[in-house]
């Protein structure tokens, strides 16, 4: 029984994905918008919260960051970085899995619809 519990714990820990892990991969979407970073983030956030109630928005030194995660297992599913650009914002979406998986197309729709 102890071996089974230990194996499950190890399996759960190996599935953890942090925002830093996602940034190491290639972005799913790279785009530019004429909207200011805060305006763009506030446009995207409600759609993300419909999909994942715990989606968060944080201000960074260069703009904003939205994170959608499965907190119960410590896994970040999506990360949207919005950085100030000369004429608006640069947007980069990083995803743990393709957006069509598990009905997560709402995430990419929100990103694209707000551009």
N, C-alpha and C. Protein backbone atom coordinates (compact mmCIF):
# COMPACT_ATOMS: atom_id res chain seq x y z
N UNK A 1 0.83 -1.19 0.00
CA UNK A 1 0.00 0.00 0.00
C UNK A 1 0.88 1.26 0.00
N UNK A 2 1.94 1.27 0.80
CA UNK A 2 2.82 2.44 0.84
C UNK A 2 3.48 2.69 -0.51
N UNK A 3 3.83 1.61 -1.18
CA UNK A 3 4.46 1.76 -2.50
C UNK A 3 3.49 2.41 -3.47
N UNK A 4 2.23 2.01 -3.43
CA UNK A 4 1.21 2.59 -4.31
C UNK A 4 1.04 4.08 -4.04
N UNK A 5 0.97 4.46 -2.78
CA UNK A 5 0.82 5.88 -2.43
C UNK A 5 2.04 6.67 -2.88
N UNK A 6 3.22 6.12 -2.69
CA UNK A 6 4.44 6.78 -3.14
C UNK A 6 4.48 6.94 -4.64
N UNK A 7 4.04 5.93 -5.39
CA UNK A 7 4.02 5.99 -6.85
C UNK A 7 3.05 7.06 -7.34
N UNK A 8 1.90 7.15 -6.71
CA UNK A 8 0.92 8.17 -7.08
C UNK A 8 1.47 9.57 -6.81
N UNK A 9 2.11 9.76 -5.67
CA UNK A 9 2.69 11.07 -5.33
C UNK A 9 3.76 11.48 -6.34
N UNK A 10 4.61 10.56 -6.73
CA UNK A 10 5.65 10.86 -7.72
C UNK A 10 5.02 11.20 -9.06
N UNK A 11 3.98 10.47 -9.45
CA UNK A 11 3.30 10.74 -10.73
C UNK A 11 2.68 12.13 -10.74
N UNK A 12 2.08 12.52 -9.64
CA UNK A 12 1.48 13.85 -9.56
C UNK A 12 2.53 14.96 -9.63
N UNK A 13 3.65 14.78 -8.97
CA UNK A 13 4.69 15.79 -8.98
C UNK A 13 5.35 15.94 -10.35
N UNK A 14 5.47 14.86 -11.09
CA UNK A 14 6.10 14.96 -12.41
C UNK A 14 5.18 15.66 -13.40
N UNK A 15 3.90 15.74 -13.11
CA UNK A 15 2.97 16.41 -14.01
C UNK A 15 2.90 17.91 -13.80
N UNK A 16 3.60 18.44 -12.82
CA UNK A 16 3.55 19.88 -12.52
C UNK A 16 4.20 20.69 -13.63
N UNK A 17 3.56 21.77 -14.01
CA UNK A 17 4.09 22.68 -15.01
C UNK A 17 3.98 24.09 -14.44
N UNK A 18 5.09 24.80 -14.37
CA UNK A 18 5.09 26.16 -13.85
C UNK A 18 5.08 27.15 -15.01
N UNK A 19 4.78 28.42 -14.75
CA UNK A 19 4.88 29.42 -15.82
C UNK A 19 6.26 29.45 -16.47
N UNK A 20 7.31 29.30 -15.67
CA UNK A 20 8.67 29.28 -16.21
C UNK A 20 8.89 28.12 -17.18
N UNK A 21 8.27 26.98 -16.88
CA UNK A 21 8.37 25.83 -17.78
C UNK A 21 7.71 26.13 -19.12
N UNK A 22 6.56 26.79 -19.08
CA UNK A 22 5.84 27.10 -20.32
C UNK A 22 6.62 28.06 -21.21
N UNK A 23 7.27 29.06 -20.61
CA UNK A 23 8.01 30.05 -21.38
C UNK A 23 9.19 29.42 -22.11
N UNK A 24 9.68 28.31 -21.62
CA UNK A 24 10.80 27.63 -22.29
C UNK A 24 10.37 27.01 -23.62
N UNK A 25 9.06 26.80 -23.80
CA UNK A 25 8.55 26.23 -25.04
C UNK A 25 8.20 27.34 -26.02
N UNK A 26 7.89 26.96 -27.25
CA UNK A 26 7.49 27.95 -28.25
C UNK A 26 6.07 28.41 -27.98
N UNK A 27 5.80 29.69 -28.20
CA UNK A 27 4.43 30.19 -27.99
C UNK A 27 3.47 29.62 -29.03
N UNK A 28 2.23 29.43 -28.61
CA UNK A 28 1.18 28.97 -29.51
C UNK A 28 0.72 30.11 -30.40
N UNK A 29 0.64 31.30 -29.84
CA UNK A 29 0.22 32.50 -30.58
C UNK A 29 1.21 33.61 -30.29
N UNK A 30 1.63 34.30 -31.34
CA UNK A 30 2.43 35.52 -31.22
C UNK A 30 1.70 36.55 -32.08
N UNK A 31 1.31 37.67 -31.48
CA UNK A 31 0.54 38.67 -32.21
C UNK A 31 0.82 40.06 -31.66
N UNK A 32 0.35 41.05 -32.40
CA UNK A 32 0.43 42.44 -31.96
C UNK A 32 -0.97 43.03 -31.99
N UNK A 33 -1.20 43.98 -31.10
CA UNK A 33 -2.46 44.69 -31.06
C UNK A 33 -2.19 46.17 -30.81
N UNK A 34 -3.11 47.00 -31.22
CA UNK A 34 -2.95 48.44 -30.98
C UNK A 34 -3.43 48.82 -29.57
N UNK A 35 -4.02 47.87 -28.85
CA UNK A 35 -4.50 48.13 -27.49
C UNK A 35 -3.33 48.20 -26.52
N UNK A 36 -3.49 49.02 -25.50
CA UNK A 36 -2.51 49.09 -24.41
C UNK A 36 -2.54 47.76 -23.65
N UNK A 37 -1.44 47.38 -23.01
CA UNK A 37 -1.40 46.10 -22.30
C UNK A 37 -2.55 45.89 -21.31
N UNK A 38 -2.88 46.89 -20.51
CA UNK A 38 -3.94 46.73 -19.52
C UNK A 38 -5.30 46.55 -20.18
N UNK A 39 -5.58 47.33 -21.22
CA UNK A 39 -6.86 47.21 -21.92
C UNK A 39 -7.00 45.83 -22.55
N UNK A 40 -5.93 45.33 -23.14
CA UNK A 40 -5.96 44.02 -23.77
C UNK A 40 -6.15 42.93 -22.71
N UNK A 41 -5.42 43.01 -21.61
CA UNK A 41 -5.54 42.02 -20.54
C UNK A 41 -6.96 41.99 -19.97
N UNK A 42 -7.56 43.16 -19.79
CA UNK A 42 -8.92 43.23 -19.25
C UNK A 42 -9.95 42.71 -20.25
N UNK A 43 -9.63 42.74 -21.52
CA UNK A 43 -10.51 42.17 -22.54
C UNK A 43 -10.46 40.64 -22.51
N UNK A 44 -9.27 40.08 -22.36
CA UNK A 44 -9.07 38.63 -22.40
C UNK A 44 -9.52 37.93 -21.12
N UNK A 45 -9.29 38.55 -19.98
CA UNK A 45 -9.51 37.91 -18.68
C UNK A 45 -10.90 37.30 -18.48
N UNK A 46 -12.01 37.98 -18.83
CA UNK A 46 -13.32 37.36 -18.60
C UNK A 46 -13.51 36.02 -19.34
N UNK A 47 -13.00 35.93 -20.56
CA UNK A 47 -13.10 34.67 -21.30
C UNK A 47 -12.31 33.56 -20.63
N UNK A 48 -11.15 33.91 -20.10
CA UNK A 48 -10.34 32.92 -19.39
C UNK A 48 -11.04 32.47 -18.13
N UNK A 49 -11.67 33.42 -17.42
CA UNK A 49 -12.34 33.07 -16.17
C UNK A 49 -13.57 32.21 -16.41
N UNK A 50 -14.19 32.33 -17.58
CA UNK A 50 -15.30 31.44 -17.92
C UNK A 50 -14.80 30.01 -18.02
N UNK A 51 -13.62 29.84 -18.58
CA UNK A 51 -13.03 28.51 -18.74
C UNK A 51 -12.44 27.99 -17.44
N UNK A 52 -11.71 28.84 -16.74
CA UNK A 52 -11.01 28.46 -15.51
C UNK A 52 -11.24 29.56 -14.48
N UNK A 53 -12.10 29.31 -13.53
CA UNK A 53 -12.48 30.33 -12.55
C UNK A 53 -11.28 30.94 -11.83
N UNK A 54 -10.20 30.19 -11.69
CA UNK A 54 -9.03 30.67 -10.97
C UNK A 54 -8.02 31.41 -11.84
N UNK A 55 -8.39 31.78 -13.06
CA UNK A 55 -7.47 32.52 -13.93
C UNK A 55 -7.11 33.84 -13.26
N UNK A 56 -5.84 34.20 -13.34
CA UNK A 56 -5.37 35.41 -12.67
C UNK A 56 -4.69 36.36 -13.64
N UNK A 57 -4.67 37.63 -13.27
CA UNK A 57 -3.99 38.68 -14.04
C UNK A 57 -3.04 39.40 -13.10
N UNK A 58 -1.79 39.55 -13.52
CA UNK A 58 -0.79 40.25 -12.70
C UNK A 58 -0.07 41.28 -13.55
N UNK A 59 0.24 42.41 -12.94
CA UNK A 59 1.03 43.43 -13.62
C UNK A 59 2.50 43.04 -13.53
N UNK A 60 3.24 43.24 -14.62
CA UNK A 60 4.68 42.98 -14.64
C UNK A 60 5.40 44.30 -14.93
N UNK A 61 6.70 44.27 -14.98
CA UNK A 61 7.47 45.48 -15.29
C UNK A 61 7.21 45.99 -16.71
N UNK A 62 6.88 45.06 -17.62
CA UNK A 62 6.72 45.44 -19.03
C UNK A 62 5.29 45.33 -19.52
N UNK A 63 4.35 44.95 -18.69
CA UNK A 63 2.97 44.81 -19.13
C UNK A 63 2.13 44.01 -18.16
N UNK A 64 1.52 42.93 -18.66
CA UNK A 64 0.64 42.09 -17.84
C UNK A 64 0.86 40.63 -18.17
N UNK A 65 0.45 39.77 -17.24
CA UNK A 65 0.55 38.33 -17.42
C UNK A 65 -0.74 37.69 -16.91
N UNK A 66 -1.34 36.86 -17.75
CA UNK A 66 -2.51 36.08 -17.36
C UNK A 66 -2.09 34.63 -17.24
N UNK A 67 -2.60 33.97 -16.20
CA UNK A 67 -2.27 32.57 -15.96
C UNK A 67 -3.55 31.80 -15.70
N UNK A 68 -3.68 30.67 -16.39
CA UNK A 68 -4.77 29.73 -16.15
C UNK A 68 -4.13 28.44 -15.68
N UNK A 69 -4.53 27.99 -14.49
CA UNK A 69 -3.88 26.80 -13.95
C UNK A 69 -4.87 25.91 -13.22
N UNK A 70 -4.47 24.67 -13.09
CA UNK A 70 -5.21 23.70 -12.28
C UNK A 70 -4.51 23.69 -10.92
N UNK A 71 -4.95 24.57 -10.03
CA UNK A 71 -4.27 24.75 -8.75
C UNK A 71 -4.24 23.50 -7.89
N UNK A 72 -5.26 22.66 -8.03
CA UNK A 72 -5.33 21.47 -7.19
C UNK A 72 -4.16 20.52 -7.44
N UNK A 73 -3.57 20.59 -8.65
CA UNK A 73 -2.42 19.73 -8.94
C UNK A 73 -1.17 20.53 -9.27
N UNK A 74 -1.22 21.84 -9.06
CA UNK A 74 -0.05 22.69 -9.25
C UNK A 74 0.44 22.74 -10.68
N UNK A 75 -0.47 22.85 -11.62
CA UNK A 75 -0.10 22.81 -13.02
C UNK A 75 -0.61 24.04 -13.76
N UNK A 76 0.28 24.76 -14.41
CA UNK A 76 -0.10 25.91 -15.22
C UNK A 76 -0.45 25.41 -16.61
N UNK A 77 -1.66 25.71 -17.07
CA UNK A 77 -2.10 25.26 -18.39
C UNK A 77 -1.82 26.28 -19.48
N UNK A 78 -2.07 27.55 -19.19
CA UNK A 78 -1.84 28.62 -20.15
C UNK A 78 -1.20 29.82 -19.48
N UNK A 79 -0.39 30.50 -20.26
CA UNK A 79 0.26 31.72 -19.81
C UNK A 79 0.21 32.71 -20.97
N UNK A 80 -0.32 33.88 -20.72
CA UNK A 80 -0.38 34.94 -21.73
C UNK A 80 0.48 36.09 -21.25
N UNK A 81 1.52 36.40 -22.01
CA UNK A 81 2.36 37.55 -21.70
C UNK A 81 1.98 38.68 -22.64
N UNK A 82 1.71 39.84 -22.05
CA UNK A 82 1.32 41.03 -22.80
C UNK A 82 2.35 42.10 -22.47
N UNK A 83 3.12 42.50 -23.46
CA UNK A 83 4.19 43.47 -23.23
C UNK A 83 3.94 44.73 -24.03
N UNK A 84 4.30 45.86 -23.43
CA UNK A 84 4.19 47.16 -24.09
C UNK A 84 5.04 47.14 -25.36
N UNK A 85 4.47 47.62 -26.46
CA UNK A 85 5.18 47.75 -27.73
C UNK A 85 5.05 49.20 -28.18
N UNK A 86 5.84 49.64 -29.17
CA UNK A 86 5.79 51.04 -29.59
C UNK A 86 4.38 51.54 -29.95
N UNK A 87 3.58 50.69 -30.57
CA UNK A 87 2.23 51.11 -30.95
C UNK A 87 1.17 50.16 -30.41
N UNK A 88 1.22 49.86 -29.13
CA UNK A 88 0.25 48.97 -28.53
C UNK A 88 0.91 47.91 -27.68
N UNK A 89 0.63 46.63 -28.01
CA UNK A 89 1.14 45.53 -27.21
C UNK A 89 1.58 44.36 -28.08
N UNK A 90 2.53 43.61 -27.55
CA UNK A 90 2.92 42.34 -28.15
C UNK A 90 2.38 41.24 -27.24
N UNK A 91 1.78 40.24 -27.85
CA UNK A 91 1.08 39.19 -27.13
C UNK A 91 1.71 37.83 -27.44
N UNK A 92 1.96 37.05 -26.40
CA UNK A 92 2.49 35.68 -26.58
C UNK A 92 1.71 34.74 -25.67
N UNK A 93 1.11 33.74 -26.29
CA UNK A 93 0.36 32.72 -25.55
C UNK A 93 1.16 31.43 -25.51
N UNK A 94 1.40 30.93 -24.32
CA UNK A 94 2.09 29.65 -24.12
C UNK A 94 1.07 28.67 -23.55
N UNK A 95 1.05 27.45 -24.09
CA UNK A 95 0.10 26.45 -23.61
C UNK A 95 0.80 25.13 -23.33
N UNK A 96 0.30 24.46 -22.31
CA UNK A 96 0.84 23.15 -21.96
C UNK A 96 0.42 22.12 -23.01
N UNK A 97 -0.81 22.22 -23.48
CA UNK A 97 -1.34 21.32 -24.50
C UNK A 97 -2.03 22.16 -25.57
N UNK A 98 -2.20 21.63 -26.78
CA UNK A 98 -2.91 22.41 -27.81
C UNK A 98 -4.29 22.85 -27.32
N UNK A 99 -4.70 24.01 -27.77
CA UNK A 99 -5.94 24.61 -27.27
C UNK A 99 -7.19 23.80 -27.60
N UNK A 100 -7.14 22.96 -28.60
CA UNK A 100 -8.35 22.18 -28.93
C UNK A 100 -8.55 21.02 -27.97
N UNK A 101 -7.52 20.68 -27.21
CA UNK A 101 -7.63 19.59 -26.25
C UNK A 101 -8.52 19.98 -25.08
N UNK A 102 -9.30 19.04 -24.65
CA UNK A 102 -10.13 19.21 -23.45
C UNK A 102 -11.03 20.43 -23.50
N UNK A 103 -11.48 20.84 -24.69
CA UNK A 103 -12.41 21.95 -24.80
C UNK A 103 -11.82 23.30 -24.43
N UNK A 104 -10.51 23.47 -24.56
CA UNK A 104 -9.87 24.71 -24.14
C UNK A 104 -9.79 25.75 -25.25
N UNK A 105 -10.59 25.61 -26.28
CA UNK A 105 -10.54 26.58 -27.38
C UNK A 105 -11.02 27.96 -26.94
N UNK A 106 -11.74 28.06 -25.84
CA UNK A 106 -12.18 29.36 -25.31
C UNK A 106 -10.98 30.25 -24.98
N UNK A 107 -9.90 29.63 -24.56
CA UNK A 107 -8.68 30.38 -24.22
C UNK A 107 -8.14 31.08 -25.46
N UNK A 108 -7.93 30.34 -26.54
CA UNK A 108 -7.38 30.95 -27.75
C UNK A 108 -8.38 31.89 -28.41
N UNK A 109 -9.66 31.58 -28.31
CA UNK A 109 -10.68 32.48 -28.86
C UNK A 109 -10.62 33.84 -28.17
N UNK A 110 -10.49 33.84 -26.85
CA UNK A 110 -10.41 35.09 -26.11
C UNK A 110 -9.20 35.90 -26.52
N UNK A 111 -8.06 35.22 -26.71
CA UNK A 111 -6.82 35.89 -27.12
C UNK A 111 -7.00 36.53 -28.50
N UNK A 112 -7.55 35.76 -29.44
CA UNK A 112 -7.71 36.26 -30.81
C UNK A 112 -8.81 37.32 -30.94
N UNK A 113 -9.93 37.13 -30.24
CA UNK A 113 -11.05 38.07 -30.35
C UNK A 113 -10.73 39.45 -29.81
N UNK A 114 -9.79 39.55 -28.89
CA UNK A 114 -9.45 40.84 -28.29
C UNK A 114 -8.38 41.60 -29.06
N UNK A 115 -7.76 40.94 -30.02
CA UNK A 115 -6.71 41.63 -30.79
C UNK A 115 -7.29 42.83 -31.49
